[in-house]
């Protein structure tokens, strides 16, 4: 069916029953008006062709790991757990509170 403005129309029922074929038609022909009970409810249009993306300054697909190699200095121990220090602080706080009767 064709609308007054020359755009082809499709009912919502036809769309639901044959969505894949309908999408292929829209991709080839442009746009369709979707109707429900002979009233237009939506317009489905073809997605515009995407222009070629500008080439980025980085053309190779390297991993992000090691990007900052040689630019960061690690000082101190980053391997041993800090839980022991926190546990001591918590134990000391609990003993202090028990002593006050909290």
C-alpha atoms as a PDB file:
ATOM      1  CA  UNK A   1       0.000   0.000   0.000  1.00  0.00           C
ATOM      2  CA  UNK A   2       1.156   3.567  -0.640  1.00  0.00           C
ATOM      3  CA  UNK A   3       0.413   6.666   1.428  1.00  0.00           C
ATOM      4  CA  UNK A   4      -0.721  10.037   0.077  1.00  0.00           C
ATOM      5  CA  UNK A   5       2.851  11.311   0.012  1.00  0.00           C
ATOM      6  CA  UNK A   6       4.074   8.346  -2.063  1.00  0.00           C
ATOM      7  CA  UNK A   7       5.786   6.442   0.755  1.00  0.00           C
ATOM      8  CA  UNK A   8       4.895   2.776   1.014  1.00  0.00           C
ATOM      9  CA  UNK A   9       2.968   1.727   4.109  1.00  0.00           C
ATOM     10  CA  UNK A  10       2.855  -1.498   6.058  1.00  0.00           C
ATOM     11  CA  UNK A  11       0.510  -2.542   8.840  1.00  0.00           C
ATOM     12  CA  UNK A  12       1.840  -3.317  12.269  1.00  0.00           C
ATOM     13  CA  UNK A  13       0.571  -6.893  11.881  1.00  0.00           C
ATOM     14  CA  UNK A  14       2.510  -7.390   8.636  1.00  0.00           C
ATOM     15  CA  UNK A  15       5.579  -5.954  10.330  1.00  0.00           C
ATOM     16  CA  UNK A  16       5.260  -8.307  13.273  1.00  0.00           C
ATOM     17  CA  UNK A  17       4.790 -11.379  11.074  1.00  0.00           C
ATOM     18  CA  UNK A  18       7.673 -10.718   8.698  1.00  0.00           C
ATOM     19  CA  UNK A  19      10.107  -8.435  10.468  1.00  0.00           C
ATOM     20  CA  UNK A  20      13.309  -9.770   8.921  1.00  0.00           C
ATOM     21  CA  UNK A  21      12.042  -9.484   5.339  1.00  0.00           C
ATOM     22  CA  UNK A  22      10.547  -6.090   6.119  1.00  0.00           C
ATOM     23  CA  UNK A  23      13.869  -4.764   7.436  1.00  0.00           C
ATOM     24  CA  UNK A  24      15.604  -6.011   4.295  1.00  0.00           C
ATOM     25  CA  UNK A  25      13.067  -4.107   2.153  1.00  0.00           C
ATOM     26  CA  UNK A  26      13.603  -0.909   4.125  1.00  0.00           C
ATOM     27  CA  UNK A  27      17.377  -1.290   3.789  1.00  0.00           C
ATOM     28  CA  UNK A  28      16.974  -1.490  -0.001  1.00  0.00           C
ATOM     29  CA  UNK A  29      14.171   1.007  -0.652  1.00  0.00           C
ATOM     30  CA  UNK A  30      14.465   3.746   1.973  1.00  0.00           C
ATOM     31  CA  UNK A  31      11.503   4.280   4.264  1.00  0.00           C
ATOM     32  CA  UNK A  32       8.117   2.842   5.179  1.00  0.00           C
ATOM     33  CA  UNK A  33       5.199   4.157   7.185  1.00  0.00           C
ATOM     34  CA  UNK A  34       3.807   1.693   9.705  1.00  0.00           C
ATOM     35  CA  UNK A  35       0.069   1.873  10.278  1.00  0.00           C
ATOM     36  CA  UNK A  36      -2.294   0.480  12.869  1.00  0.00           C
ATOM     37  CA  UNK A  37      -6.007   0.480  12.045  1.00  0.00           C
ATOM     38  CA  UNK A  38      -5.271   2.643   8.980  1.00  0.00           C
ATOM     39  CA  UNK A  39      -3.627   5.355  11.074  1.00  0.00           C
ATOM     40  CA  UNK A  40       0.104   6.077  10.734  1.00  0.00           C
ATOM     41  CA  UNK A  41       1.947   5.309  13.962  1.00  0.00           C
ATOM     42  CA  UNK A  42       5.610   5.245  12.954  1.00  0.00           C
ATOM     43  CA  UNK A  43       8.074   5.772  10.149  1.00  0.00           C
ATOM     44  CA  UNK A  44      10.928   3.358   9.659  1.00  0.00           C
ATOM     45  CA  UNK A  45      13.804   4.825   7.660  1.00  0.00           C
ATOM     46  CA  UNK A  46      16.960   3.391   6.232  1.00  0.00           C
ATOM     47  CA  UNK A  47      20.040   4.025   8.364  1.00  0.00           C
ATOM     48  CA  UNK A  48      22.334   6.467   6.572  1.00  0.00           C
ATOM     49  CA  UNK A  49      25.562   5.138   5.152  1.00  0.00           C
ATOM     50  CA  UNK A  50      28.401   5.790   7.543  1.00  0.00           C
ATOM     51  CA  UNK A  51      31.276   7.891   6.257  1.00  0.00           C
ATOM     52  CA  UNK A  52      34.691   6.349   6.554  1.00  0.00           C
ATOM     53  CA  UNK A  53      36.153   6.923   9.959  1.00  0.00           C
ATOM     54  CA  UNK A  54      39.146   9.175  10.193  1.00  0.00           C
ATOM     55  CA  UNK A  55      42.263   7.175  10.753  1.00  0.00           C
ATOM     56  CA  UNK A  56      43.498   7.427  14.272  1.00  0.00           C
ATOM     57  CA  UNK A  57      47.067   8.290  15.111  1.00  0.00           C
ATOM     58  CA  UNK A  58      47.483   4.769  16.398  1.00  0.00           C
ATOM     59  CA  UNK A  59      47.162   2.230  13.616  1.00  0.00           C
ATOM     60  CA  UNK A  60      48.384  -0.914  15.324  1.00  0.00           C
ATOM     61  CA  UNK A  61      46.231  -2.780  17.802  1.00  0.00           C
ATOM     62  CA  UNK A  62      48.594  -3.148  20.728  1.00  0.00           C
ATOM     63  CA  UNK A  63      47.511  -4.094  24.194  1.00  0.00           C
ATOM     64  CA  UNK A  64      47.036  -1.368  26.790  1.00  0.00           C
ATOM     65  CA  UNK A  65      49.338  -3.263  29.132  1.00  0.00           C
ATOM     66  CA  UNK A  66      52.816  -1.822  29.212  1.00  0.00           C
ATOM     67  CA  UNK A  67      51.860   1.553  27.758  1.00  0.00           C
ATOM     68  CA  UNK A  68      53.369   3.398  30.736  1.00  0.00           C
ATOM     69  CA  UNK A  69      56.429   1.149  30.991  1.00  0.00           C
ATOM     70  CA  UNK A  70      59.389   3.183  32.202  1.00  0.00           C
ATOM     71  CA  UNK A  71      57.227   6.182  33.140  1.00  0.00           C
ATOM     72  CA  UNK A  72      56.093   5.052  36.590  1.00  0.00           C
ATOM     73  CA  UNK A  73      58.275   4.403  39.605  1.00  0.00           C
ATOM     74  CA  UNK A  74      57.015   2.057  42.307  1.00  0.00           C
ATOM     75  CA  UNK A  75      58.423   2.725  45.744  1.00  0.00           C
ATOM     76  CA  UNK A  76      57.846   0.590  48.809  1.00  0.00           C
ATOM     77  CA  UNK A  77      56.316  -2.832  49.163  1.00  0.00           C
ATOM     78  CA  UNK A  78      53.236  -3.274  46.958  1.00  0.00           C
ATOM     79  CA  UNK A  79      53.013  -7.035  47.353  1.00  0.00           C
ATOM     80  CA  UNK A  80      52.614  -7.750  51.063  1.00  0.00           C
ATOM     81  CA  UNK A  81      49.107  -7.426  52.502  1.00  0.00           C
ATOM     82  CA  UNK A  82      48.130  -4.373  54.513  1.00  0.00           C
ATOM     83  CA  UNK A  83      45.440  -6.290  56.363  1.00  0.00           C
ATOM     84  CA  UNK A  84      47.760  -6.962  59.303  1.00  0.00           C
ATOM     85  CA  UNK A  85      48.122  -3.227  59.993  1.00  0.00           C
ATOM     86  CA  UNK A  86      44.368  -2.670  59.703  1.00  0.00           C
ATOM     87  CA  UNK A  87      43.671  -5.637  61.950  1.00  0.00           C
ATOM     88  CA  UNK A  88      45.958  -4.217  64.635  1.00  0.00           C
ATOM     89  CA  UNK A  89      44.189  -0.850  64.453  1.00  0.00           C
ATOM     90  CA  UNK A  90      40.772  -2.510  64.714  1.00  0.00           C
ATOM     91  CA  UNK A  91      41.850  -4.708  67.633  1.00  0.00           C
ATOM     92  CA  UNK A  92      43.225  -1.692  69.492  1.00  0.00           C
ATOM     93  CA  UNK A  93      39.976   0.245  68.916  1.00  0.00           C
ATOM     94  CA  UNK A  94      37.841  -2.691  70.113  1.00  0.00           C
ATOM     95  CA  UNK A  95      39.939  -3.067  73.273  1.00  0.00           C
ATOM     96  CA  UNK A  96      39.630   0.666  73.935  1.00  0.00           C
ATOM     97  CA  UNK A  97      35.828   0.536  73.556  1.00  0.00           C
ATOM     98  CA  UNK A  98      35.484  -2.515  75.781  1.00  0.00           C
ATOM     99  CA  UNK A  99      37.471  -0.770  78.462  1.00  0.00           C
ATOM    100  CA  UNK A 100      34.994   2.157  78.468  1.00  0.00           C
ATOM    101  CA  UNK A 101      31.940  -0.105  78.506  1.00  0.00           C
ATOM    102  CA  UNK A 102      30.597   0.945  75.041  1.00  0.00           C
END
